[in-house]
Amino acid sequence: MRFTASLSSLTLVMLLGCSSQPAIDLDAERNALMSADRAWSEAYAASESPADVFVAQFVDDASLLPPDAPLAQGKEAIHAAISGLEAMPGFSVTWSPSGADVGSGGDLGYTVGSYEINMDGPEGPLTINGKYLTIWKKQPSGTWMVTADMFNADGPPTPQM
């Protein structure tokens, strides 16, 4: 009886150890993240409703962590935060990813990059250069969506010459 139980346990362990999980191509997922981030930036820049395009990339319970402002939790709060920025005179933003990584499970990753914000200041046009970190989660459909986004400036705004 003891031998049969041990043999059954050994067989179960072997079967579980041999389960065929599809191999995750982490390089392909990193490339997909870079492409998703670039496409998001391009769609934002080309849109007549950029706040809508910006928020569309987020999961419903996502977080936006803007500098010098409270956490924006959820799509509605994120939309309000981005709309507030866009309402500033002369506001425009561009961003570009410089790197991406994906966890070994292939369903969570991040991109890092730089951004440039332009706006009108009290004494003329200003530029703010900074960096960002965006955390992405792969959806059951296979698409990557943003779960958290954080950005901050490299320094104070500089006057445009």
Protein backbone atom coordinates (compact mmCIF):
# COMPACT_ATOMS: atom_id res chain seq x y z
CA MET A 1 0.00 0.00 0.00
CA ARG A 2 2.81 2.35 0.95
CA PHE A 3 4.62 1.60 -2.31
CA THR A 4 1.46 2.30 -4.35
CA ALA A 5 0.91 5.67 -2.63
CA SER A 6 4.52 6.64 -3.22
CA LEU A 7 4.35 5.59 -6.84
CA SER A 8 1.13 7.58 -7.33
CA SER A 9 2.72 10.65 -5.75
CA LEU A 10 5.82 10.30 -7.91
CA THR A 11 3.68 9.94 -11.04
CA LEU A 12 1.70 13.08 -10.14
CA VAL A 13 4.88 15.09 -9.54
CA MET A 14 6.28 13.92 -12.87
CA LEU A 15 3.10 14.81 -14.71
CA LEU A 16 2.97 18.28 -13.16
CA GLY A 17 6.64 18.84 -13.89
CA CYS A 18 6.13 17.88 -17.50
CA SER A 19 3.12 20.09 -18.11
CA SER A 20 3.67 21.91 -21.34
CA GLN A 21 3.57 25.65 -20.78
CA PRO A 22 4.15 27.56 -23.99
CA ALA A 23 7.52 29.25 -24.00
CA ILE A 24 7.31 33.02 -23.64
CA ASP A 25 9.37 34.98 -26.13
CA LEU A 26 10.50 37.80 -23.83
CA ASP A 27 12.31 39.63 -26.63
CA ALA A 28 9.12 39.68 -28.69
CA GLU A 29 7.16 40.96 -25.68
CA ARG A 30 9.74 43.71 -25.04
CA ASN A 31 9.45 44.74 -28.68
CA ALA A 32 5.65 44.68 -28.41
CA LEU A 33 5.85 47.00 -25.38
CA MET A 34 8.12 49.44 -27.19
CA SER A 35 5.75 49.40 -30.16
CA ALA A 36 2.70 49.91 -27.94
CA ASP A 37 4.33 52.89 -26.20
CA ARG A 38 5.40 54.47 -29.51
CA ALA A 39 1.96 53.94 -31.06
CA TRP A 40 0.33 55.49 -27.98
CA SER A 41 2.53 58.58 -28.26
CA GLU A 42 1.87 58.92 -32.00
CA ALA A 43 -1.89 58.51 -31.58
CA TYR A 44 -1.90 61.10 -28.80
CA ALA A 45 0.03 63.60 -30.92
CA ALA A 46 -2.27 63.13 -33.93
CA SER A 47 -5.57 63.25 -32.03
CA GLU A 48 -8.08 66.06 -31.81
CA SER A 49 -9.13 64.54 -28.45
CA PRO A 50 -5.74 63.71 -26.93
CA ALA A 51 -7.01 63.19 -23.36
CA ASP A 52 -9.39 60.52 -24.67
CA VAL A 53 -6.58 58.80 -26.58
CA PHE A 54 -4.29 59.02 -23.54
CA VAL A 55 -6.83 57.45 -21.19
CA ALA A 56 -7.90 54.75 -23.66
CA GLN A 57 -4.56 53.00 -23.12
CA PHE A 58 -5.20 52.55 -19.36
CA VAL A 59 -6.93 49.68 -17.56
CA ASP A 60 -9.98 50.80 -15.58
CA ASP A 61 -8.30 50.88 -12.16
CA ALA A 62 -4.99 52.36 -13.34
CA SER A 63 -2.94 55.00 -11.53
CA LEU A 64 -1.33 58.19 -12.80
CA LEU A 65 1.39 59.65 -10.59
CA PRO A 66 2.04 63.17 -11.89
CA PRO A 67 4.70 65.42 -10.33
CA ASP A 68 3.59 67.93 -7.72
CA ALA A 69 0.02 66.64 -7.86
CA PRO A 70 -2.10 64.00 -6.13
CA LEU A 71 -2.42 60.44 -7.35
CA ALA A 72 -5.08 60.05 -10.04
CA GLN A 73 -6.77 56.65 -9.59
CA GLY A 74 -9.07 55.30 -12.30
CA LYS A 75 -9.79 56.45 -15.83
CA GLU A 76 -12.06 59.34 -14.83
CA ALA A 77 -9.45 60.87 -12.49
CA ILE A 78 -6.68 60.30 -15.05
CA HIS A 79 -8.76 62.00 -17.74
CA ALA A 80 -9.33 64.99 -15.43
CA ALA A 81 -5.61 65.25 -14.65
CA ILE A 82 -4.58 65.11 -18.32
CA SER A 83 -7.36 67.50 -19.35
CA GLY A 84 -6.06 69.95 -16.74
CA LEU A 85 -2.60 69.84 -18.27
CA GLU A 86 -3.96 70.20 -21.79
CA ALA A 87 -5.96 73.27 -20.75
CA MET A 88 -2.76 75.16 -19.99
CA PRO A 89 -2.01 77.76 -22.70
CA GLY A 90 0.38 76.49 -25.34
CA PHE A 91 0.50 72.97 -23.84
CA SER A 92 1.91 70.12 -25.89
CA VAL A 93 3.72 66.95 -24.92
CA THR A 94 5.71 64.34 -26.79
CA TRP A 95 7.30 61.24 -25.36
CA SER A 96 9.48 58.42 -26.57
CA PRO A 97 10.39 55.11 -24.93
CA SER A 98 14.06 54.27 -24.62
CA GLY A 99 13.74 50.83 -23.06
CA ALA A 100 11.37 48.08 -21.99
CA ASP A 101 11.45 44.92 -19.95
CA VAL A 102 9.01 42.12 -19.29
CA GLY A 103 8.75 39.80 -16.29
CA SER A 104 9.40 36.09 -16.73
CA GLY A 105 5.65 35.38 -16.74
CA GLY A 106 5.28 37.53 -19.87
CA ASP A 107 2.24 39.40 -18.57
CA LEU A 108 3.75 42.37 -16.73
CA GLY A 109 6.32 44.82 -18.05
CA TYR A 110 7.46 48.39 -18.10
CA THR A 111 8.77 51.07 -20.42
CA VAL A 112 11.03 53.96 -19.56
CA GLY A 113 11.63 57.02 -21.66
CA SER A 114 11.80 60.76 -21.93
CA TYR A 115 9.27 63.48 -22.59
CA GLU A 116 9.14 67.12 -23.57
CA ILE A 117 6.36 69.45 -22.49
CA ASN A 118 5.94 72.89 -24.04
CA MET A 119 3.64 75.57 -22.66
CA ASP A 120 3.26 79.29 -22.34
CA GLY A 121 4.71 80.80 -19.17
CA PRO A 122 4.18 84.28 -17.76
CA GLU A 123 7.21 85.55 -19.65
CA GLY A 124 6.97 83.44 -22.79
CA PRO A 125 7.13 79.84 -24.00
CA LEU A 126 8.68 77.22 -21.69
CA THR A 127 10.02 73.71 -22.15
CA ILE A 128 10.09 70.98 -19.51
CA ASN A 129 12.19 67.90 -20.19
CA GLY A 130 11.71 64.82 -18.08
CA LYS A 131 11.52 61.07 -17.81
CA TYR A 132 8.78 58.52 -17.22
CA LEU A 133 8.12 54.98 -16.10
CA THR A 134 5.03 53.18 -17.37
CA ILE A 135 3.91 49.79 -16.06
CA TRP A 136 2.01 47.66 -18.53
CA LYS A 137 -0.16 44.57 -18.05
CA LYS A 138 -0.89 42.12 -20.83
CA GLN A 139 -4.61 41.60 -21.28
CA PRO A 140 -6.32 38.27 -22.08
CA SER A 141 -6.73 39.58 -25.65
CA GLY A 142 -2.93 39.77 -25.94
CA THR A 143 -2.77 43.58 -25.99
CA TRP A 144 -0.68 45.57 -23.52
CA MET A 145 -2.49 48.17 -21.39
CA VAL A 146 -1.13 50.70 -18.89
CA THR A 147 -1.69 49.98 -15.21
CA ALA A 148 0.47 52.80 -13.80
CA ASP A 149 2.26 55.80 -15.26
CA MET A 150 4.66 58.13 -13.47
CA PHE A 151 6.66 61.07 -14.78
CA ASN A 152 8.84 63.85 -13.41
CA ALA A 153 10.94 66.71 -14.71
CA ASP A 154 14.70 66.71 -15.04
CA GLY A 155 14.73 70.25 -13.68
CA PRO A 156 12.83 73.53 -13.74
CA PRO A 157 11.17 74.75 -16.95
CA THR A 158 13.52 76.48 -19.34
CA PRO A 159 12.55 79.45 -21.52
CA GLN A 160 12.41 78.70 -25.23
CA MET A 161 14.82 80.82 -27.21
